[in-house]
PDB file of all heavy atoms in Angstrom:
ATOM      1  N   ALA A   1      -8.807   0.666  -9.865  1.00  0.00           N
ATOM      2  CA  ALA A   1      -7.524   1.216 -10.296  1.00  0.00           C
ATOM      3  C   ALA A   1      -6.462   1.041  -9.214  1.00  0.00           C
ATOM      4  O   ALA A   1      -5.266   1.220  -9.477  1.00  0.00           O
ATOM      5  CB  ALA A   1      -7.678   2.695 -10.646  1.00  0.00           C
ATOM      6  N   PHE A   2      -6.892   0.647  -8.006  1.00  0.00           N
ATOM      7  CA  PHE A   2      -5.944   0.372  -6.927  1.00  0.00           C
ATOM      8  C   PHE A   2      -5.333  -1.025  -7.044  1.00  0.00           C
ATOM      9  O   PHE A   2      -4.271  -1.296  -6.486  1.00  0.00           O
ATOM     10  CB  PHE A   2      -6.651   0.518  -5.573  1.00  0.00           C
ATOM     11  CG  PHE A   2      -5.736   0.444  -4.384  1.00  0.00           C
ATOM     12  CD1 PHE A   2      -5.111   1.578  -3.901  1.00  0.00           C
ATOM     13  CD2 PHE A   2      -5.486  -0.772  -3.741  1.00  0.00           C
ATOM     14  CE1 PHE A   2      -4.252   1.514  -2.808  1.00  0.00           C
ATOM     15  CE2 PHE A   2      -4.638  -0.846  -2.656  1.00  0.00           C
ATOM     16  CZ  PHE A   2      -4.013   0.303  -2.185  1.00  0.00           C
ATOM     17  N   LYS A   3      -5.979  -1.932  -7.762  1.00  0.00           N
ATOM     18  CA  LYS A   3      -5.559  -3.333  -7.800  1.00  0.00           C
ATOM     19  C   LYS A   3      -4.110  -3.557  -8.248  1.00  0.00           C
ATOM     20  O   LYS A   3      -3.452  -4.475  -7.749  1.00  0.00           O
ATOM     21  CB  LYS A   3      -6.508  -4.135  -8.687  1.00  0.00           C
ATOM     22  CG  LYS A   3      -7.895  -4.310  -8.081  1.00  0.00           C
ATOM     23  CD  LYS A   3      -8.851  -4.991  -9.039  1.00  0.00           C
ATOM     24  CE  LYS A   3     -10.257  -5.112  -8.441  1.00  0.00           C
ATOM     25  NZ  LYS A   3     -11.237  -5.654  -9.396  1.00  0.00           N
ATOM     26  N   PRO A   4      -3.561  -2.767  -9.202  1.00  0.00           N
ATOM     27  CA  PRO A   4      -2.170  -3.005  -9.598  1.00  0.00           C
ATOM     28  C   PRO A   4      -1.179  -2.961  -8.442  1.00  0.00           C
ATOM     29  O   PRO A   4      -0.157  -3.650  -8.485  1.00  0.00           O
ATOM     30  CB  PRO A   4      -1.905  -1.885 -10.605  1.00  0.00           C
ATOM     31  CG  PRO A   4      -3.239  -1.651 -11.240  1.00  0.00           C
ATOM     32  CD  PRO A   4      -4.211  -1.794 -10.101  1.00  0.00           C
ATOM     33  N   PHE A   5      -1.474  -2.187  -7.393  1.00  0.00           N
ATOM     34  CA  PHE A   5      -0.570  -2.155  -6.244  1.00  0.00           C
ATOM     35  C   PHE A   5      -0.547  -3.515  -5.542  1.00  0.00           C
ATOM     36  O   PHE A   5       0.496  -3.969  -5.063  1.00  0.00           O
ATOM     37  CB  PHE A   5      -0.995  -1.056  -5.267  1.00  0.00           C
ATOM     38  CG  PHE A   5      -1.089   0.316  -5.893  1.00  0.00           C
ATOM     39  CD1 PHE A   5      -2.243   1.062  -5.788  1.00  0.00           C
ATOM     40  CD2 PHE A   5      -0.024   0.843  -6.600  1.00  0.00           C
ATOM     41  CE1 PHE A   5      -2.342   2.314  -6.367  1.00  0.00           C
ATOM     42  CE2 PHE A   5      -0.103   2.103  -7.185  1.00  0.00           C
ATOM     43  CZ  PHE A   5      -1.267   2.831  -7.071  1.00  0.00           C
ATOM     44  N   VAL A   6      -1.700  -4.152  -5.491  1.00  0.00           N
ATOM     45  CA  VAL A   6      -1.797  -5.477  -4.872  1.00  0.00           C
ATOM     46  C   VAL A   6      -1.102  -6.523  -5.743  1.00  0.00           C
ATOM     47  O   VAL A   6      -0.341  -7.364  -5.251  1.00  0.00           O
ATOM     48  CB  VAL A   6      -3.274  -5.848  -4.646  1.00  0.00           C
ATOM     49  CG1 VAL A   6      -3.375  -7.237  -4.009  1.00  0.00           C
ATOM     50  CG2 VAL A   6      -3.963  -4.805  -3.773  1.00  0.00           C
ATOM     51  N   TYR A   7      -1.349  -6.468  -7.047  1.00  0.00           N
ATOM     52  CA  TYR A   7      -0.736  -7.437  -7.948  1.00  0.00           C
ATOM     53  C   TYR A   7       0.785  -7.275  -7.986  1.00  0.00           C
ATOM     54  O   TYR A   7       1.515  -8.270  -8.064  1.00  0.00           O
ATOM     55  CB  TYR A   7      -1.321  -7.299  -9.356  1.00  0.00           C
ATOM     56  CG  TYR A   7      -2.647  -8.007  -9.508  1.00  0.00           C
ATOM     57  CD1 TYR A   7      -3.839  -7.406  -9.096  1.00  0.00           C
ATOM     58  CD2 TYR A   7      -2.724  -9.288 -10.043  1.00  0.00           C
ATOM     59  CE1 TYR A   7      -5.054  -8.053  -9.220  1.00  0.00           C
ATOM     60  CE2 TYR A   7      -3.943  -9.948 -10.177  1.00  0.00           C
ATOM     61  CZ  TYR A   7      -5.102  -9.319  -9.760  1.00  0.00           C
ATOM     62  OH  TYR A   7      -6.302  -9.977  -9.891  1.00  0.00           O
ATOM     63  N   TYR A   8       1.248  -6.033  -7.913  1.00  0.00           N
ATOM     64  CA  TYR A   8       2.708  -5.853  -7.847  1.00  0.00           C
ATOM     65  C   TYR A   8       3.257  -6.509  -6.588  1.00  0.00           C
ATOM     66  O   TYR A   8       4.309  -7.182  -6.631  1.00  0.00           O
ATOM     67  CB  TYR A   8       3.098  -4.370  -7.861  1.00  0.00           C
ATOM     68  CG  TYR A   8       4.550  -4.206  -7.488  1.00  0.00           C
ATOM     69  CD1 TYR A   8       5.545  -4.452  -8.417  1.00  0.00           C
ATOM     70  CD2 TYR A   8       4.929  -3.915  -6.171  1.00  0.00           C
ATOM     71  CE1 TYR A   8       6.880  -4.390  -8.056  1.00  0.00           C
ATOM     72  CE2 TYR A   8       6.248  -3.848  -5.802  1.00  0.00           C
ATOM     73  CZ  TYR A   8       7.229  -4.094  -6.748  1.00  0.00           C
ATOM     74  OH  TYR A   8       8.554  -4.062  -6.384  1.00  0.00           O
ATOM     75  N   ALA A   9       2.589  -6.328  -5.458  1.00  0.00           N
ATOM     76  CA  ALA A   9       3.064  -6.923  -4.203  1.00  0.00           C
ATOM     77  C   ALA A   9       3.165  -8.441  -4.330  1.00  0.00           C
ATOM     78  O   ALA A   9       4.119  -9.058  -3.845  1.00  0.00           O
ATOM     79  CB  ALA A   9       2.128  -6.544  -3.058  1.00  0.00           C
ATOM     80  N   ALA A  10       2.183  -9.041  -5.004  1.00  0.00           N
ATOM     81  CA  ALA A  10       2.220 -10.495  -5.186  1.00  0.00           C
ATOM     82  C   ALA A  10       3.387 -10.908  -6.077  1.00  0.00           C
ATOM     83  O   ALA A  10       4.111 -11.872  -5.780  1.00  0.00           O
ATOM     84  CB  ALA A  10       0.896 -10.963  -5.787  1.00  0.00           C
ATOM     85  N   LEU A  11       3.606 -10.173  -7.168  1.00  0.00           N
ATOM     86  CA  LEU A  11       4.712 -10.495  -8.077  1.00  0.00           C
ATOM     87  C   LEU A  11       6.056 -10.292  -7.399  1.00  0.00           C
ATOM     88  O   LEU A  11       6.986 -11.091  -7.557  1.00  0.00           O
ATOM     89  CB  LEU A  11       4.614  -9.618  -9.334  1.00  0.00           C
ATOM     90  CG  LEU A  11       3.390  -9.855 -10.233  1.00  0.00           C
ATOM     91  CD1 LEU A  11       3.261  -8.710 -11.236  1.00  0.00           C
ATOM     92  CD2 LEU A  11       3.524 -11.198 -10.965  1.00  0.00           C
ATOM     93  N   ALA A  12       6.175  -9.205  -6.632  1.00  0.00           N
ATOM     94  CA  ALA A  12       7.451  -8.901  -5.976  1.00  0.00           C
ATOM     95  C   ALA A  12       7.772  -9.886  -4.863  1.00  0.00           C
ATOM     96  O   ALA A  12       8.939 -10.011  -4.460  1.00  0.00           O
ATOM     97  CB  ALA A  12       7.421  -7.476  -5.421  1.00  0.00           C
ATOM     98  N   SER A  13       6.762 -10.604  -4.368  1.00  0.00           N
ATOM     99  CA  SER A  13       7.018 -11.579  -3.301  1.00  0.00           C
ATOM    100  C   SER A  13       7.803 -12.783  -3.806  1.00  0.00           C
ATOM    101  O   SER A  13       8.370 -13.548  -3.011  1.00  0.00           O
ATOM    102  CB  SER A  13       5.687 -12.045  -2.697  1.00  0.00           C
ATOM    103  OG  SER A  13       4.979 -12.877  -3.622  1.00  0.00           O
ATOM    104  N   GLY A  14       7.820 -12.963  -5.138  1.00  0.00           N
ATOM    105  CA  GLY A  14       8.515 -14.105  -5.719  1.00  0.00           C
ATOM    106  C   GLY A  14       7.674 -15.357  -5.780  1.00  0.00           C
ATOM    107  O   GLY A  14       8.092 -16.357  -6.371  1.00  0.00           O
ATOM    108  N   HIS A  15       6.473 -15.354  -5.216  1.00  0.00           N
ATOM    109  CA  HIS A  15       5.602 -16.528  -5.191  1.00  0.00           C
ATOM    110  C   HIS A  15       4.695 -16.603  -6.418  1.00  0.00           C
ATOM    111  O   HIS A  15       4.061 -17.638  -6.650  1.00  0.00           O
ATOM    112  CB  HIS A  15       4.739 -16.521  -3.923  1.00  0.00           C
ATOM    113  CG  HIS A  15       5.523 -16.730  -2.664  1.00  0.00           C
ATOM    114  ND1 HIS A  15       6.012 -17.958  -2.287  1.00  0.00           N
ATOM    115  CD2 HIS A  15       5.899 -15.855  -1.689  1.00  0.00           C
ATOM    116  CE1 HIS A  15       6.650 -17.843  -1.125  1.00  0.00           C
ATOM    117  NE2 HIS A  15       6.590 -16.574  -0.738  1.00  0.00           N
ATOM    118  N   TYR A  16       4.597 -15.511  -7.180  1.00  0.00           N
ATOM    119  CA  TYR A  16       3.657 -15.468  -8.294  1.00  0.00           C
ATOM    120  C   TYR A  16       4.336 -14.940  -9.557  1.00  0.00           C
ATOM    121  O   TYR A  16       5.273 -14.137  -9.502  1.00  0.00           O
ATOM    122  CB  TYR A  16       2.468 -14.553  -7.964  1.00  0.00           C
ATOM    123  CG  TYR A  16       1.610 -15.027  -6.824  1.00  0.00           C
ATOM    124  CD1 TYR A  16       1.865 -14.613  -5.512  1.00  0.00           C
ATOM    125  CD2 TYR A  16       0.528 -15.875  -7.055  1.00  0.00           C
ATOM    126  CE1 TYR A  16       1.071 -15.042  -4.456  1.00  0.00           C
ATOM    127  CE2 TYR A  16      -0.277 -16.304  -6.009  1.00  0.00           C
ATOM    128  CZ  TYR A  16      -0.002 -15.884  -4.727  1.00  0.00           C
ATOM    129  OH  TYR A  16      -0.800 -16.314  -3.678  1.00  0.00           O
ATOM    130  N   THR A  17       3.806 -15.384 -10.685  1.00  0.00           N
ATOM    131  CA  THR A  17       4.114 -14.821 -11.997  1.00  0.00           C
ATOM    132  C   THR A  17       2.783 -14.411 -12.621  1.00  0.00           C
ATOM    133  O   THR A  17       1.712 -14.754 -12.088  1.00  0.00           O
ATOM    134  CB  THR A  17       4.809 -15.849 -12.907  1.00  0.00           C
ATOM    135  OG1 THR A  17       3.853 -16.849 -13.311  1.00  0.00           O
ATOM    136  CG2 THR A  17       5.985 -16.515 -12.201  1.00  0.00           C
ATOM    137  N   PRO A  18       2.794 -13.715 -13.756  1.00  0.00           N
ATOM    138  CA  PRO A  18       1.521 -13.365 -14.391  1.00  0.00           C
ATOM    139  C   PRO A  18       0.666 -14.576 -14.747  1.00  0.00           C
ATOM    140  O   PRO A  18      -0.566 -14.455 -14.843  1.00  0.00           O
ATOM    141  CB  PRO A  18       1.961 -12.610 -15.643  1.00  0.00           C
ATOM    142  CG  PRO A  18       3.275 -12.006 -15.264  1.00  0.00           C
ATOM    143  CD  PRO A  18       3.933 -13.034 -14.406  1.00  0.00           C
ATOM    144  N   ASP A  19       1.298 -15.752 -14.907  1.00  0.00           N
ATOM    145  CA  ASP A  19       0.555 -16.941 -15.298  1.00  0.00           C
ATOM    146  C   ASP A  19       0.173 -17.826 -14.116  1.00  0.00           C
ATOM    147  O   ASP A  19      -0.447 -18.881 -14.302  1.00  0.00           O
ATOM    148  CB  ASP A  19       1.369 -17.762 -16.305  1.00  0.00           C
ATOM    149  CG  ASP A  19       1.619 -16.984 -17.591  1.00  0.00           C
ATOM    150  OD1 ASP A  19       0.715 -16.247 -18.015  1.00  0.00           O
ATOM    151  OD2 ASP A  19       2.732 -17.091 -18.148  1.00  0.00           O
ATOM    152  N   SER A  20       0.563 -17.411 -12.913  1.00  0.00           N
ATOM    153  CA  SER A  20       0.164 -18.174 -11.727  1.00  0.00           C
ATOM    154  C   SER A  20      -1.349 -18.101 -11.541  1.00  0.00           C
ATOM    155  O   SER A  20      -1.991 -17.134 -11.957  1.00  0.00           O
ATOM    156  CB  SER A  20       0.852 -17.620 -10.481  1.00  0.00           C
ATOM    157  OG  SER A  20       2.257 -17.734 -10.587  1.00  0.00           O
ATOM    158  N   TYR A  21      -1.893 -19.152 -10.893  1.00  0.00           N
ATOM    159  CA  TYR A  21      -3.341 -19.211 -10.708  1.00  0.00           C
ATOM    160  C   TYR A  21      -3.730 -18.717  -9.319  1.00  0.00           C
ATOM    161  O   TYR A  21      -3.000 -18.886  -8.337  1.00  0.00           O
ATOM    162  CB  TYR A  21      -3.857 -20.635 -10.935  1.00  0.00           C
ATOM    163  CG  TYR A  21      -4.152 -20.918 -12.389  1.00  0.00           C
ATOM    164  CD1 TYR A  21      -3.109 -21.146 -13.284  1.00  0.00           C
ATOM    165  CD2 TYR A  21      -5.462 -20.922 -12.861  1.00  0.00           C
ATOM    166  CE1 TYR A  21      -3.360 -21.375 -14.619  1.00  0.00           C
ATOM    167  CE2 TYR A  21      -5.731 -21.162 -14.205  1.00  0.00           C
ATOM    168  CZ  TYR A  21      -4.672 -21.382 -15.082  1.00  0.00           C
ATOM    169  OH  TYR A  21      -4.937 -21.600 -16.408  1.00  0.00           O
ATOM    170  N   VAL A  22      -4.906 -18.094  -9.295  1.00  0.00           N
ATOM    171  CA  VAL A  22      -5.490 -17.633  -8.053  1.00  0.00           C
ATOM    172  C   VAL A  22      -6.958 -18.022  -8.081  1.00  0.00           C
ATOM    173  O   VAL A  22      -7.585 -18.052  -9.147  1.00  0.00           O
ATOM    174  CB  VAL A  22      -5.319 -16.101  -7.884  1.00  0.00           C
ATOM    175  CG1 VAL A  22      -5.995 -15.348  -9.030  1.00  0.00           C
ATOM    176  CG2 VAL A  22      -5.860 -15.630  -6.535  1.00  0.00           C
ATOM    177  N   SER A  23      -7.498 -18.338  -6.916  1.00  0.00           N
ATOM    178  CA  SER A  23      -8.881 -18.814  -6.856  1.00  0.00           C
ATOM    179  C   SER A  23      -9.870 -17.657  -6.921  1.00  0.00           C
ATOM    180  O   SER A  23      -9.770 -16.692  -6.155  1.00  0.00           O
ATOM    181  CB  SER A  23      -9.103 -19.613  -5.572  1.00  0.00           C
ATOM    182  OG  SER A  23     -10.455 -20.016  -5.462  1.00  0.00           O
ATOM    183  N   ASP A  24     -10.815 -17.774  -7.841  1.00  0.00           N
ATOM    184  CA  ASP A  24     -11.933 -16.828  -7.933  1.00  0.00           C
ATOM    185  C   ASP A  24     -13.192 -17.580  -7.505  1.00  0.00           C
ATOM    186  O   ASP A  24     -13.989 -18.038  -8.321  1.00  0.00           O
ATOM    187  CB  ASP A  24     -12.071 -16.303  -9.360  1.00  0.00           C
ATOM    188  CG  ASP A  24     -13.204 -15.289  -9.495  1.00  0.00           C
ATOM    189  OD1 ASP A  24     -13.754 -14.874  -8.453  1.00  0.00           O
ATOM    190  OD2 ASP A  24     -13.536 -14.920 -10.631  1.00  0.00           O
ATOM    191  N   SER A  25     -13.339 -17.735  -6.198  1.00  0.00           N
ATOM    192  CA  SER A  25     -14.451 -18.499  -5.633  1.00  0.00           C
ATOM    193  C   SER A  25     -14.930 -17.815  -4.361  1.00  0.00           C
ATOM    194  O   SER A  25     -14.209 -16.993  -3.782  1.00  0.00           O
ATOM    195  CB  SER A  25     -13.993 -19.932  -5.311  1.00  0.00           C
ATOM    196  OG  SER A  25     -12.889 -19.906  -4.428  1.00  0.00           O
ATOM    197  N   PRO A  26     -16.141 -18.116  -3.924  1.00  0.00           N
ATOM    198  CA  PRO A  26     -16.678 -17.437  -2.738  1.00  0.00           C
ATOM    199  C   PRO A  26     -15.763 -17.582  -1.537  1.00  0.00           C
ATOM    200  O   PRO A  26     -15.190 -18.652  -1.287  1.00  0.00           O
ATOM    201  CB  PRO A  26     -18.017 -18.144  -2.507  1.00  0.00           C
ATOM    202  CG  PRO A  26     -18.396 -18.671  -3.857  1.00  0.00           C
ATOM    203  CD  PRO A  26     -17.108 -19.073  -4.500  1.00  0.00           C
ATOM    204  N   VAL A  27     -15.643 -16.497  -0.794  1.00  0.00           N
ATOM    205  CA  VAL A  27     -14.806 -16.493   0.392  1.00  0.00           C
ATOM    206  C   VAL A  27     -15.329 -15.426   1.344  1.00  0.00           C
ATOM    207  O   VAL A  27     -15.928 -14.442   0.910  1.00  0.00           O
ATOM    208  CB  VAL A  27     -13.324 -16.217   0.027  1.00  0.00           C
ATOM    209  CG1 VAL A  27     -13.160 -14.807  -0.511  1.00  0.00           C
ATOM    210  CG2 VAL A  27     -12.407 -16.450   1.232  1.00  0.00           C
ATOM    211  N   SER A  28     -15.132 -15.647   2.645  1.00  0.00           N
ATOM    212  CA  SER A  28     -15.544 -14.671   3.658  1.00  0.00           C
ATOM    213  C   SER A  28     -14.402 -14.451   4.634  1.00  0.00           C
ATOM    214  O   SER A  28     -13.649 -15.383   4.956  1.00  0.00           O
ATOM    215  CB  SER A  28     -16.788 -15.152   4.412  1.00  0.00           C
ATOM    216  OG  SER A  28     -17.899 -15.250   3.540  1.00  0.00           O
ATOM    217  N   TYR A  29     -14.267 -13.226   5.100  1.00  0.00           N
ATOM    218  CA  TYR A  29     -13.209 -12.875   6.045  1.00  0.00           C
ATOM    219  C   TYR A  29     -13.817 -12.150   7.238  1.00  0.00           C
ATOM    220  O   TYR A  29     -14.766 -11.364   7.104  1.00  0.00           O
ATOM    221  CB  TYR A  29     -12.165 -11.963   5.388  1.00  0.00           C
ATOM    222  CG  TYR A  29     -11.422 -12.601   4.236  1.00  0.00           C
ATOM    223  CD1 TYR A  29     -11.809 -12.352   2.913  1.00  0.00           C
ATOM    224  CD2 TYR A  29     -10.343 -13.439   4.464  1.00  0.00           C
ATOM    225  CE1 TYR A  29     -11.133 -12.923   1.856  1.00  0.00           C
ATOM    226  CE2 TYR A  29      -9.651 -14.024   3.408  1.00  0.00           C
ATOM    227  CZ  TYR A  29     -10.054 -13.757   2.110  1.00  0.00           C
ATOM    228  OH  TYR A  29      -9.384 -14.335   1.064  1.00  0.00           O
ATOM    229  N   ARG A  30     -13.271 -12.480   8.391  1.00  0.00           N
ATOM    230  CA  ARG A  30     -13.661 -11.772   9.598  1.00  0.00           C
ATOM    231  C   ARG A  30     -13.030 -10.383   9.549  1.00  0.00           C
ATOM    232  O   ARG A  30     -11.811 -10.247   9.482  1.00  0.00           O
ATOM    233  CB  ARG A  30     -13.170 -12.528  10.840  1.00  0.00           C
ATOM    234  CG  ARG A  30     -13.624 -11.927  12.159  1.00  0.00           C
ATOM    235  CD  ARG A  30     -15.043 -12.321  12.483  1.00  0.00           C
ATOM    236  NE  ARG A  30     -15.475 -11.782  13.769  1.00  0.00           N
ATOM    237  CZ  ARG A  30     -16.648 -12.042  14.319  1.00  0.00           C
ATOM    238  NH1 ARG A  30     -17.493 -12.846  13.697  1.00  0.00           N
ATOM    239  NH2 ARG A  30     -16.986 -11.519  15.481  1.00  0.00           N
ATOM    240  N   ASP A  31     -13.837  -9.351   9.513  1.00  0.00           N
ATOM    241  CA  ASP A  31     -13.306  -7.996   9.338  1.00  0.00           C
ATOM    242  C   ASP A  31     -14.024  -7.056  10.300  1.00  0.00           C
ATOM    243  O   ASP A  31     -15.227  -6.823  10.177  1.00  0.00           O
ATOM    244  CB  ASP A  31     -13.510  -7.524   7.898  1.00  0.00           C
ATOM    245  CG  ASP A  31     -12.755  -6.235   7.602  1.00  0.00           C
ATOM    246  OD1 ASP A  31     -11.684  -6.036   8.188  1.00  0.00           O
ATOM    247  OD2 ASP A  31     -13.255  -5.431   6.782  1.00  0.00           O
ATOM    248  N   GLY A  32     -13.293  -6.573  11.272  1.00  0.00           N
ATOM    249  CA  GLY A  32     -13.893  -5.676  12.246  1.00  0.00           C
ATOM    250  C   GLY A  32     -14.892  -6.408  13.117  1.00  0.00           C
ATOM    251  O   GLY A  32     -14.577  -7.422  13.752  1.00  0.00           O
ATOM    252  N   SER A  33     -16.129  -5.948  13.109  1.00  0.00           N
ATOM    253  CA  SER A  33     -17.155  -6.533  13.973  1.00  0.00           C
ATOM    254  C   SER A  33     -17.980  -7.601  13.283  1.00  0.00           C
ATOM    255  O   SER A  33     -18.884  -8.177  13.886  1.00  0.00           O
ATOM    256  CB  SER A  33     -18.107  -5.418  14.471  1.00  0.00           C
ATOM    257  OG  SER A  33     -18.723  -4.771  13.368  1.00  0.00           O
ATOM    258  N   GLY A  34     -17.691  -7.857  11.976  1.00  0.00           N
ATOM    259  CA  GLY A  34     -18.501  -8.837  11.270  1.00  0.00           C
ATOM    260  C   GLY A  34     -17.712  -9.547  10.191  1.00  0.00           C
ATOM    261  O   GLY A  34     -16.482  -9.537  10.173  1.00  0.00           O
ATOM    262  N   TRP A  35     -18.474 -10.194   9.288  1.00  0.00           N
ATOM    263  CA  TRP A  35     -17.857 -10.945   8.203  1.00  0.00           C
ATOM    264  C   TRP A  35     -17.959 -10.149   6.907  1.00  0.00           C
ATOM    265  O   TRP A  35     -18.949  -9.471   6.644  1.00  0.00           O
ATOM    266  CB  TRP A  35     -18.550 -12.297   8.027  1.00  0.00           C
ATOM    267  CG  TRP A  35     -18.229 -13.248   9.144  1.00  0.00           C
ATOM    268  CD1 TRP A  35     -18.902 -13.393  10.309  1.00  0.00           C
ATOM    269  CD2 TRP A  35     -17.144 -14.160   9.181  1.00  0.00           C
ATOM    270  NE1 TRP A  35     -18.315 -14.346  11.107  1.00  0.00           N
ATOM    271  CE2 TRP A  35     -17.221 -14.833  10.421  1.00  0.00           C
ATOM    272  CE3 TRP A  35     -16.107 -14.489   8.302  1.00  0.00           C
ATOM    273  CZ2 TRP A  35     -16.310 -15.809  10.804  1.00  0.00           C
ATOM    274  CZ3 TRP A  35     -15.202 -15.454   8.670  1.00  0.00           C
ATOM    275  CH2 TRP A  35     -15.305 -16.112   9.913  1.00  0.00           C
ATOM    276  N   TYR A  36     -16.890 -10.247   6.088  1.00  0.00           N
ATOM    277  CA  TYR A  36     -16.843  -9.546   4.809  1.00  0.00           C
ATOM    278  C   TYR A  36     -16.742 -10.584   3.707  1.00  0.00           C
ATOM    279  O   TYR A  36     -15.818 -11.402   3.689  1.00  0.00           O
ATOM    280  CB  TYR A  36     -15.645  -8.595   4.761  1.00  0.00           C
ATOM    281  CG  TYR A  36     -15.424  -7.945   3.405  1.00  0.00           C
ATOM    282  CD1 TYR A  36     -16.376  -7.092   2.852  1.00  0.00           C
ATOM    283  CD2 TYR A  36     -14.252  -8.190   2.691  1.00  0.00           C
ATOM    284  CE1 TYR A  36     -16.173  -6.495   1.622  1.00  0.00           C
ATOM    285  CE2 TYR A  36     -14.033  -7.600   1.458  1.00  0.00           C
ATOM    286  CZ  TYR A  36     -14.998  -6.751   0.923  1.00  0.00           C
ATOM    287  OH  TYR A  36     -14.788  -6.166  -0.300  1.00  0.00           O
ATOM    288  N   SER A  37     -17.712 -10.576   2.785  1.00  0.00           N
ATOM    289  CA  SER A  37     -17.739 -11.540   1.681  1.00  0.00           C
ATOM    290  C   SER A  37     -17.670 -10.786   0.361  1.00  0.00           C
ATOM    291  O   SER A  37     -18.688 -10.274  -0.134  1.00  0.00           O
ATOM    292  CB  SER A  37     -19.010 -12.395   1.737  1.00  0.00           C
ATOM    293  OG  SER A  37     -19.111 -13.081   2.962  1.00  0.00           O
TER     294      SER A  37
END
């Protein structure tokens, strides 16, 4: 239920519309002391 705040931020940036594409594929991020996937 928190996700709409993120999606609004993307829309308000001007770089995205509701029909813009985003990748739904494996990804990992360095977060704190380890990796977050």
